[in-house]
Protein backbone atom coordinates (compact mmCIF):
# COMPACT_ATOMS: atom_id res chain seq x y z
CA MET A 1 165.23 50.78 95.28
CA ALA A 2 165.91 47.12 94.39
CA ASP A 3 169.61 47.80 93.93
CA ALA A 4 169.82 49.18 97.47
CA ALA A 5 168.25 46.02 98.86
CA VAL A 6 170.44 43.42 97.17
CA ALA A 7 172.48 41.29 99.55
CA THR A 8 175.67 39.59 98.43
CA THR A 9 176.82 36.16 99.59
CA ARG A 10 180.30 37.61 99.91
CA THR A 11 179.31 40.00 102.69
CA ARG A 12 176.34 37.98 104.03
CA ARG A 13 174.58 41.24 104.81
CA THR A 14 170.96 42.20 104.33
CA ALA A 15 170.30 45.71 103.03
CA VAL A 16 167.28 47.54 104.35
CA ALA A 17 166.03 50.48 102.31
CA ILE A 18 163.37 52.82 103.57
CA ALA A 19 161.74 55.10 101.03
CA ILE A 20 161.00 58.52 102.44
CA ALA A 21 158.53 60.80 100.68
CA VAL A 22 159.74 64.37 101.07
CA THR A 23 159.29 67.65 99.28
CA GLY A 24 162.83 68.17 98.09
CA SER A 25 166.45 67.26 98.51
CA VAL A 26 168.05 66.69 101.89
CA SER A 27 171.37 67.32 103.55
CA ILE A 28 173.03 65.10 106.12
CA ALA A 29 173.81 67.09 109.22
CA ALA A 30 175.44 64.30 111.24
CA MET A 31 175.40 60.56 111.87
CA ALA A 32 175.29 59.06 115.31
CA PRO A 33 174.49 55.62 116.70
CA ALA A 34 171.76 55.63 119.34
CA SER A 35 171.93 52.68 121.69
CA THR A 36 168.88 51.20 123.39
CA GLY A 37 171.07 49.33 125.83
CA SER A 38 173.44 46.38 125.70
CA PRO A 39 171.71 43.56 123.83
CA SER A 40 172.48 40.01 124.81
CA ALA A 41 174.72 37.82 122.73
CA ARG A 42 171.67 36.31 121.08
CA ALA A 43 170.30 39.68 119.94
CA PRO A 44 170.92 40.80 116.37
CA LYS A 45 173.56 43.44 115.80
CA GLN A 46 172.46 47.01 115.24
CA PRO A 47 172.10 48.40 111.69
CA LEU A 48 175.25 49.81 110.11
CA GLU A 49 176.22 52.18 107.29
CA VAL A 50 173.18 54.43 107.49
CA ARG A 51 173.08 56.56 104.35
CA VAL A 52 170.86 58.74 102.19
CA THR A 53 170.57 57.94 98.50
CA GLY A 54 168.46 59.13 95.58
CA THR A 55 168.37 62.77 96.63
CA ALA A 56 167.92 63.94 93.04
CA THR A 57 164.35 62.65 92.96
CA PRO A 58 161.26 63.64 94.94
CA THR A 59 161.41 60.24 96.67
CA THR A 60 164.52 60.00 98.79
CA GLU A 61 165.80 56.73 100.21
CA LEU A 62 167.32 56.09 103.59
CA ALA A 63 169.24 52.81 103.59
CA TRP A 64 171.31 50.81 106.03
CA THR A 65 172.70 47.30 106.31
CA THR A 66 172.50 44.83 109.18
CA PRO A 67 175.01 42.03 109.67
CA ALA A 68 173.63 38.53 109.39
CA ALA A 69 172.72 36.87 112.69
CA PRO A 70 172.29 33.24 113.77
CA THR A 71 168.56 33.87 114.30
CA ALA A 72 166.05 35.02 111.70
CA MET A 73 164.80 38.60 111.59
CA VAL A 74 161.07 39.05 112.20
CA GLU A 75 160.53 42.77 111.62
CA HIS A 76 162.26 46.13 111.27
CA GLY A 77 161.48 49.07 113.53
CA VAL A 78 161.24 52.54 112.00
CA ASP A 79 161.56 55.63 114.24
CA VAL A 80 161.15 59.33 113.41
CA SER A 81 162.60 61.70 116.02
CA GLY A 82 162.29 59.12 118.79
CA ARG A 83 158.76 58.00 117.92
CA ARG A 84 158.14 54.45 116.64
CA ILE A 85 155.96 54.94 113.58
CA ALA A 86 156.06 51.49 111.94
CA THR A 87 157.26 47.90 112.40
CA PRO A 88 157.20 46.51 108.85
CA ARG A 89 158.13 42.92 108.09
CA LYS A 90 159.31 43.92 104.67
CA THR A 91 162.55 45.83 104.09
CA THR A 92 160.95 49.07 102.83
CA HIS A 93 158.61 51.61 104.36
CA ALA A 94 157.30 54.89 102.93
CA LEU A 95 157.27 57.83 105.32
CA THR A 96 154.76 60.61 104.70
CA GLY A 97 154.15 63.95 106.34
CA LEU A 98 157.74 65.09 106.78
CA ALA A 99 157.70 68.88 106.82
CA CYS A 100 160.00 71.08 104.80
CA GLY A 101 162.68 73.00 106.65
CA ARG A 102 162.82 70.52 109.53
CA THR A 103 165.50 68.27 111.03
CA TYR A 104 164.65 64.66 111.88
CA ARG A 105 166.38 61.74 113.57
CA LEU A 106 165.52 58.69 111.47
CA GLY A 107 166.28 55.40 113.19
CA GLY A 108 166.05 51.73 112.51
CA ASP A 109 166.46 48.47 114.42
CA VAL A 110 165.76 44.77 113.99
CA LEU A 111 163.63 42.27 115.93
CA ALA A 112 164.90 38.68 115.88
CA SER A 113 162.81 35.52 116.12
CA THR A 114 164.17 35.06 119.64
CA GLY A 115 162.18 38.12 120.70
CA ARG A 116 165.33 40.17 121.21
CA ARG A 117 165.60 43.56 119.53
CA SER A 118 168.86 45.10 118.36
CA ALA A 119 170.18 48.47 119.34
CA SER A 120 169.17 51.15 116.86
CA THR A 121 171.24 53.24 114.51
CA SER A 122 170.05 56.68 113.54
CA LEU A 123 170.76 59.39 111.03
CA ILE A 124 170.18 63.12 111.52
CA ARG A 125 168.83 64.61 108.33
CA SER A 126 167.27 67.93 107.29
CA THR A 127 164.59 68.39 104.66
CA LYS A 128 164.88 71.15 102.12
CA ARG A 129 164.02 74.67 103.25
CA CYS A 130 160.42 75.61 102.71
CA SER A 131 159.21 77.77 99.88
CA LEU A 132 155.73 79.28 99.77
CA ALA A 133 154.79 76.46 97.41
CA ASN A 134 155.46 74.02 100.29
CA ARG A 135 153.19 75.79 102.74
CA THR A 136 149.65 74.78 103.55
CA SER A 137 146.78 76.74 102.09
CA SER A 138 146.40 78.73 105.34
CA THR A 139 149.83 80.28 104.91
CA ALA A 140 150.61 80.04 101.21
CA ARG A 141 147.54 82.07 100.25
CA GLY A 142 145.72 85.01 101.68
CA LEU A 143 146.52 88.13 103.63
CA PRO A 144 148.07 87.52 107.07
CA PHE A 145 145.21 88.25 109.47
CA GLY A 146 145.60 88.51 113.23
CA ALA A 147 146.37 90.52 116.32
CA TRP A 148 149.25 91.83 118.40
CA GLY A 149 150.57 89.62 121.16
CA ASN A 150 152.68 86.66 122.27
CA TYR A 151 149.72 84.50 123.20
CA ARG A 152 149.26 81.00 121.83
CA GLU A 153 145.51 81.30 122.19
CA ALA A 154 145.68 83.95 119.45
CA TRP A 155 147.77 81.81 117.10
CA GLY A 156 146.06 79.72 114.46
CA GLY A 157 142.35 79.09 114.07
CA THR A 158 140.72 82.31 112.91
CA PHE A 159 144.06 84.10 112.95
CA SER A 160 146.61 83.41 110.20
CA GLY A 161 148.97 86.23 111.15
CA GLY A 162 150.13 88.33 114.06
CA GLN A 163 152.81 90.43 115.70
CA ILE A 164 155.18 88.79 118.17
CA THR A 165 157.98 90.18 120.32
CA VAL A 166 161.05 87.94 120.57
CA THR A 167 164.37 87.75 122.37
CA PRO A 168 167.53 86.02 121.13
CA GLU A 169 166.80 83.23 123.60
CA ASN A 170 163.19 82.48 122.60
CA MET A 171 163.07 83.55 118.96
CA LEU A 172 163.54 80.15 117.29
CA GLN A 173 161.11 78.30 119.53
CA ARG A 174 158.49 81.01 119.17
CA LEU A 175 158.85 81.02 115.38
CA ARG A 176 158.57 77.23 115.24
CA THR A 177 155.37 77.46 117.25
CA VAL A 178 153.73 80.10 115.09
CA ARG A 179 154.79 78.28 111.93
CA GLY A 180 153.24 75.11 113.28
CA ALA A 181 150.02 77.07 113.80
CA GLY A 182 150.06 78.21 110.16
CA MET A 183 150.96 81.80 111.00
CA ARG A 184 152.88 84.55 109.23
CA VAL A 185 154.09 87.22 111.59
CA VAL A 186 155.71 90.60 112.03
CA VAL A 187 158.51 90.24 114.57
CA SER A 188 159.67 92.85 117.05
CA MET A 189 163.31 92.19 117.87
CA ALA A 190 165.00 95.29 119.27
CA ALA A 191 161.63 97.00 119.78
CA GLY A 192 160.78 95.69 123.22
CA SER A 193 160.29 98.16 126.03
CA LYS A 194 161.13 101.74 125.07
CA SER A 195 162.97 102.19 128.37
CA ASP A 196 165.62 99.79 127.07
CA TYR A 197 166.79 102.38 124.55
CA GLN A 198 165.88 105.72 126.09
CA ASN A 199 168.15 108.26 127.71
CA ASP A 200 167.41 109.64 131.19
CA ASP A 201 165.41 112.47 129.60
CA ASP A 202 163.31 109.93 127.62
CA THR A 203 164.92 110.79 124.28
CA PHE A 204 165.90 108.04 121.87
CA ASN A 205 169.33 106.38 122.23
CA MET A 206 170.29 104.80 118.92
CA GLY A 207 173.37 103.08 120.31
CA MET A 208 171.30 101.21 122.88
CA TRP A 209 168.77 100.19 120.23
CA LYS A 210 171.52 98.89 117.93
CA ALA A 211 173.07 96.90 120.77
CA ARG A 212 169.73 95.14 121.31
CA LEU A 213 169.42 94.24 117.64
CA HIS A 214 173.06 93.17 117.41
CA ALA A 215 172.36 90.42 119.96
CA PHE A 216 170.21 88.62 117.35
CA ARG A 217 173.17 88.06 115.03
CA ARG A 218 173.84 84.70 116.66
CA VAL A 219 170.29 83.49 116.02
CA ALA A 220 169.93 81.35 112.87
CA PHE A 221 166.41 82.37 111.83
CA ARG A 222 166.90 82.74 108.07
CA GLU A 223 164.81 79.65 107.31
CA PHE A 224 161.77 81.55 108.60
CA LEU A 225 162.47 84.33 106.12
CA GLY A 226 162.77 81.85 103.28
CA ASP A 227 159.50 80.08 104.02
CA GLY A 228 157.46 83.26 104.57
CA THR A 229 156.84 82.81 108.31
CA ILE A 230 158.39 86.24 108.97
CA VAL A 231 156.61 88.98 107.04
CA ALA A 232 158.69 91.88 108.35
CA GLN A 233 160.51 93.24 111.36
CA MET A 234 158.89 96.10 113.26
CA LEU A 235 161.87 98.29 114.07
CA ILE A 236 160.19 100.57 116.59
CA ASP A 237 156.77 101.67 117.87
CA ASP A 238 155.15 104.88 119.16
CA LEU A 239 157.11 107.33 117.06
CA ASP A 240 155.48 110.65 117.87
CA GLU A 241 157.28 113.19 120.05
CA SER A 242 155.12 112.57 123.12
CA HIS A 243 156.91 109.24 123.65
CA TRP A 244 160.44 110.58 123.25
CA GLY A 245 160.86 113.48 125.61
CA GLY A 246 159.40 115.95 123.13
CA ARG A 247 162.02 115.06 120.49
CA PRO A 248 160.68 112.70 117.80
CA ILE A 249 162.94 110.21 116.07
CA SER A 250 163.84 111.77 112.75
CA ASN A 251 163.15 110.16 109.39
CA ASP A 252 166.91 109.98 108.84
CA ASP A 253 167.38 108.08 112.09
CA LEU A 254 164.55 105.68 111.24
CA ASP A 255 166.21 104.92 107.93
CA GLU A 256 169.48 104.32 109.80
CA LEU A 257 167.75 101.72 111.97
CA ALA A 258 166.56 99.98 108.82
CA ARG A 259 170.05 100.18 107.28
CA TYR A 260 171.60 98.65 110.39
CA SER A 261 169.16 95.72 110.23
CA LYS A 262 169.69 95.10 106.54
CA GLN A 263 173.46 94.85 106.85
CA PHE A 264 172.83 91.62 108.78
CA TRP A 265 169.64 90.36 107.11
CA PRO A 266 169.20 91.98 103.67
CA SER A 267 165.99 90.09 102.90
CA LEU A 268 164.28 90.96 106.20
CA ARG A 269 161.80 93.71 105.45
CA THR A 270 161.70 96.61 107.87
CA ALA A 271 158.62 98.46 109.13
CA VAL A 272 157.67 101.11 111.67
CA ARG A 273 154.27 101.48 113.31
CA ALA A 274 153.31 104.88 111.97
CA ARG A 275 151.00 105.94 109.16
CA PRO A 276 152.69 107.16 105.97
CA THR A 277 150.98 110.55 106.25
CA SER A 278 152.21 110.89 109.85
CA LEU A 279 155.83 110.19 108.91
CA ILE A 280 155.86 113.41 106.90
CA THR A 281 154.87 115.57 109.89
CA ALA A 282 157.22 117.27 112.35
CA ALA A 283 155.66 115.39 115.28
CA TYR A 284 156.96 112.16 113.74
CA GLY A 285 160.37 113.47 112.71
CA GLY A 286 159.38 114.51 109.19
CA ARG A 287 160.07 117.74 107.31
CA GLY A 288 156.67 118.27 105.74
CA THR A 289 157.53 116.50 102.47
CA PRO A 290 157.84 112.81 101.57
CA HIS A 291 161.14 111.36 102.75
CA SER A 292 163.41 109.54 100.33
CA TRP A 293 163.66 106.22 102.16
CA ARG A 294 166.62 104.06 101.22
CA PHE A 295 166.24 101.18 103.66
CA LEU A 296 162.86 101.38 105.41
CA ASP A 297 160.36 99.14 103.62
CA ALA A 298 156.93 99.68 105.16
CA ALA A 299 154.69 101.89 107.29
CA TRP A 300 151.59 100.96 109.28
CA ASP A 301 148.00 102.18 109.06
CA GLN A 302 146.10 101.38 112.27
CA TYR A 303 142.56 102.65 111.73
CA SER A 304 140.23 104.19 114.33
CA ALA A 305 136.69 105.49 113.78
CA LYS A 306 137.77 109.08 114.41
CA MET A 307 139.71 108.97 111.14
CA GLY A 308 136.52 109.06 109.07
CA ASP A 309 135.39 106.80 106.26
CA ALA A 310 137.68 103.74 106.24
CA ALA A 311 137.84 103.36 102.46
CA THR A 312 138.77 107.02 102.01
CA GLN A 313 141.31 106.88 104.82
CA VAL A 314 143.15 103.79 103.59
CA ALA A 315 143.23 105.16 100.03
CA ALA A 316 144.96 108.31 101.31
CA GLU A 317 147.51 106.29 103.29
CA VAL A 318 148.22 104.04 100.30
CA ALA A 319 148.77 107.09 98.11
CA SER A 320 151.21 108.53 100.65
CA ALA A 321 152.99 105.17 100.98
CA LYS A 322 153.42 104.97 97.22
CA ARG A 323 154.84 108.49 97.07
CA GLN A 324 157.40 107.50 99.71
CA ARG A 325 158.03 104.10 98.10
CA LEU A 326 156.86 102.22 101.18
CA GLY A 327 154.74 99.13 101.61
CA LEU A 328 151.81 99.17 104.02
CA VAL A 329 150.58 97.04 106.92
CA VAL A 330 146.96 97.79 107.80
CA GLY A 331 144.76 97.02 110.78
CA LEU A 332 142.18 98.17 113.31
CA ASN A 333 142.43 99.56 116.81
CA VAL A 334 139.57 97.35 117.91
CA LEU A 335 139.96 98.03 121.64
CA THR A 336 139.95 101.84 121.75
CA GLY A 337 139.11 102.92 118.21
CA GLY A 338 135.32 102.54 118.19
CA ASP A 339 132.68 105.21 117.75
CA GLY A 340 130.79 104.38 120.96
CA SER A 341 128.02 102.38 119.31
CA SER A 342 129.26 99.18 120.98
CA GLY A 343 128.62 100.51 124.48
CA LEU A 344 131.77 98.62 125.49
CA PRO A 345 134.44 100.79 127.13
CA GLY A 346 138.07 100.16 126.34
CA PRO A 347 140.08 98.03 128.79
CA ASP A 348 141.89 99.20 131.91
CA LYS A 349 143.33 102.72 131.51
CA TYR A 350 141.47 103.14 128.21
CA SER A 351 138.02 103.00 129.78
CA SER A 352 137.20 106.50 128.55
CA GLN A 353 137.37 105.23 124.96
CA TRP A 354 135.29 102.66 123.12
CA ALA A 355 135.94 99.22 121.72
CA MET A 356 134.57 98.49 118.26
CA SER A 357 131.27 96.71 117.82
CA PRO A 358 130.98 93.67 115.52
CA VAL A 359 129.31 95.87 112.93
CA GLU A 360 132.18 98.36 113.13
CA VAL A 361 134.80 95.62 112.85
CA VAL A 362 133.33 94.38 109.58
CA ARG A 363 132.51 97.85 108.20
CA TYR A 364 135.95 99.32 108.87
CA GLY A 365 137.96 96.18 108.24
CA THR A 366 136.49 95.26 104.87
CA PRO A 367 137.94 98.12 102.78
CA LEU A 368 141.33 97.78 104.50
CA ILE A 369 141.55 94.06 103.77
CA LYS A 370 140.30 94.45 100.23
CA HIS A 371 142.86 97.09 99.29
CA PRO A 372 145.41 95.24 97.13
CA TYR A 373 148.33 97.29 98.46
CA ALA A 374 147.96 95.98 102.03
CA CYS A 375 150.55 93.32 102.95
CA ALA A 376 149.08 92.26 106.33
CA PHE A 377 146.09 93.03 108.56
CA LEU A 378 146.86 93.19 112.30
CA MET A 379 144.63 94.41 115.12
CA TRP A 380 145.52 95.93 118.47
CA SER A 381 145.66 94.00 120.77
CA ALA A 382 145.25 90.47 122.16
CA LYS A 383 146.96 91.15 125.48
CA TYR A 384 143.82 92.11 127.38
CA ASP A 385 142.31 88.75 126.45
CA TYR A 386 145.23 86.43 127.06
CA SER A 387 147.92 88.07 129.19
CA SER A 388 147.93 86.87 132.80
CA SER A 389 148.71 90.45 133.83
CA TYR A 390 145.20 91.48 132.79
CA ALA A 391 143.28 88.32 133.69
CA HIS A 392 141.61 90.14 136.57
CA LEU A 393 139.87 92.44 134.08
CA LYS A 394 137.99 89.52 132.48
CA TYR A 395 137.75 91.66 129.38
CA GLY A 396 137.65 88.92 126.76
CA TYR A 397 137.02 91.05 123.67
CA PHE A 398 138.15 88.46 121.11
CA ARG A 399 136.30 85.69 122.96
CA ARG A 400 132.87 87.30 122.62
CA PRO A 401 130.73 85.22 120.23
CA GLU A 402 129.60 88.25 118.21
CA ILE A 403 133.21 89.48 117.85
CA ARG A 404 134.39 86.00 116.89
CA GLN A 405 131.77 85.96 114.13
CA ALA A 406 132.93 89.35 112.86
CA MET A 407 136.54 88.13 112.87
CA GLN A 408 135.58 85.05 110.89
CA THR A 409 133.91 87.27 108.29
CA LEU A 410 137.07 89.33 107.88
CA ARG A 411 139.27 86.23 107.92
CA ALA A 412 137.32 84.82 104.99
CA LEU A 413 137.92 88.05 103.06
CA ALA A 414 141.63 87.94 103.88
CA GLY A 415 141.86 84.33 102.74
CA ARG A 416 140.44 85.11 99.30
CA ARG A 417 143.14 87.57 98.27
CA SER A 418 146.88 87.45 97.73
CA ALA A 419 149.40 89.30 99.86
CA PRO A 420 152.17 91.44 98.32
CA ARG A 421 155.52 91.82 99.99
CA CYS A 422 155.71 94.45 102.71
CA SER A 423 157.65 96.85 100.52
CA ALA A 424 156.99 99.06 97.53
CA PRO A 425 156.99 97.35 94.13
CA GLY A 426 160.50 97.19 92.73
CA ARG A 427 162.26 97.39 96.11
């Protein structure tokens, strides 16, 4: 640090070194001067030779030099991404709170005794990509716990996980937002509206589905895989034959969807929203025996009261998942999967069914969350609470105090256990 701050009489320059506390090494993306205007002749000249040094140690230094001026320097300004965070009189300043996997513009200027401030010089730098060890306790530990839906009100707080649907245009911003809320999510990329990849007779069109996924190739989202923000990609939803013109998507075709994804993003785990036991049946494209999956990583067990005892049901689905070498996402159909004891009808077109009571939520959710094979716990769905399209219903299931208390109980259980990857061991 002292070496970086030594000025020589030969150059008559003062070196300013700013120590930056970060969680790993950095890479310089670009350097660019940022002018605050044309200073007068009496203003000090802007800092020069911005550089990063000491990247081999946990404390990294940003240093620059400022040419000597006829007036004395009073203080140095320190900016992070356009925000003035300090005006130290000394020539060093420790920055704290820089996040991993982020890009920052670090700037510096000088205030002279005349009251004139120099233009600033800035450096664009990126901190090291996040690992799970860098994450906060809300994301580094525990089972991802949340609900379906692209609604910020359902991100963070009680919920540490969720399912989000993204487009190539909004994917990075949406992932930055959920990461900032401490979330780990399942992303739906190609799996938007089924009509986007259906033929005129409602059967599945694989070419149209692949074209939708192919559009994401230009999106640089790998950092969110590396830091654990993305748990898996949900390839497709609603797999039974009733949604596909009486012709279910075959197990072979589902594995082809997973293969197509993995040729672009090998580490992105692939999932479908169907129970492992259902995937074996003809209605879901199965042949009556466990399929030998080569590329699909996980299935999905969304529990409803009609399925019987929750502990028995999840044990059966885990056993089937293991036989097929699949991981397992679990969750509850809280809006239409109740037994009627709540007295609360399901929302909108589901009014003939029943939402789960707080007692049901805890009773059914506990064995699912506690099962060590589960890689995430996601409930259907937040849209009737937070989507403007359903605001007129004033349904507000997740906002009910008694439901919020039940969710907090389950969230505490999820936070006390670890989460395996959403794939079978060894895959």
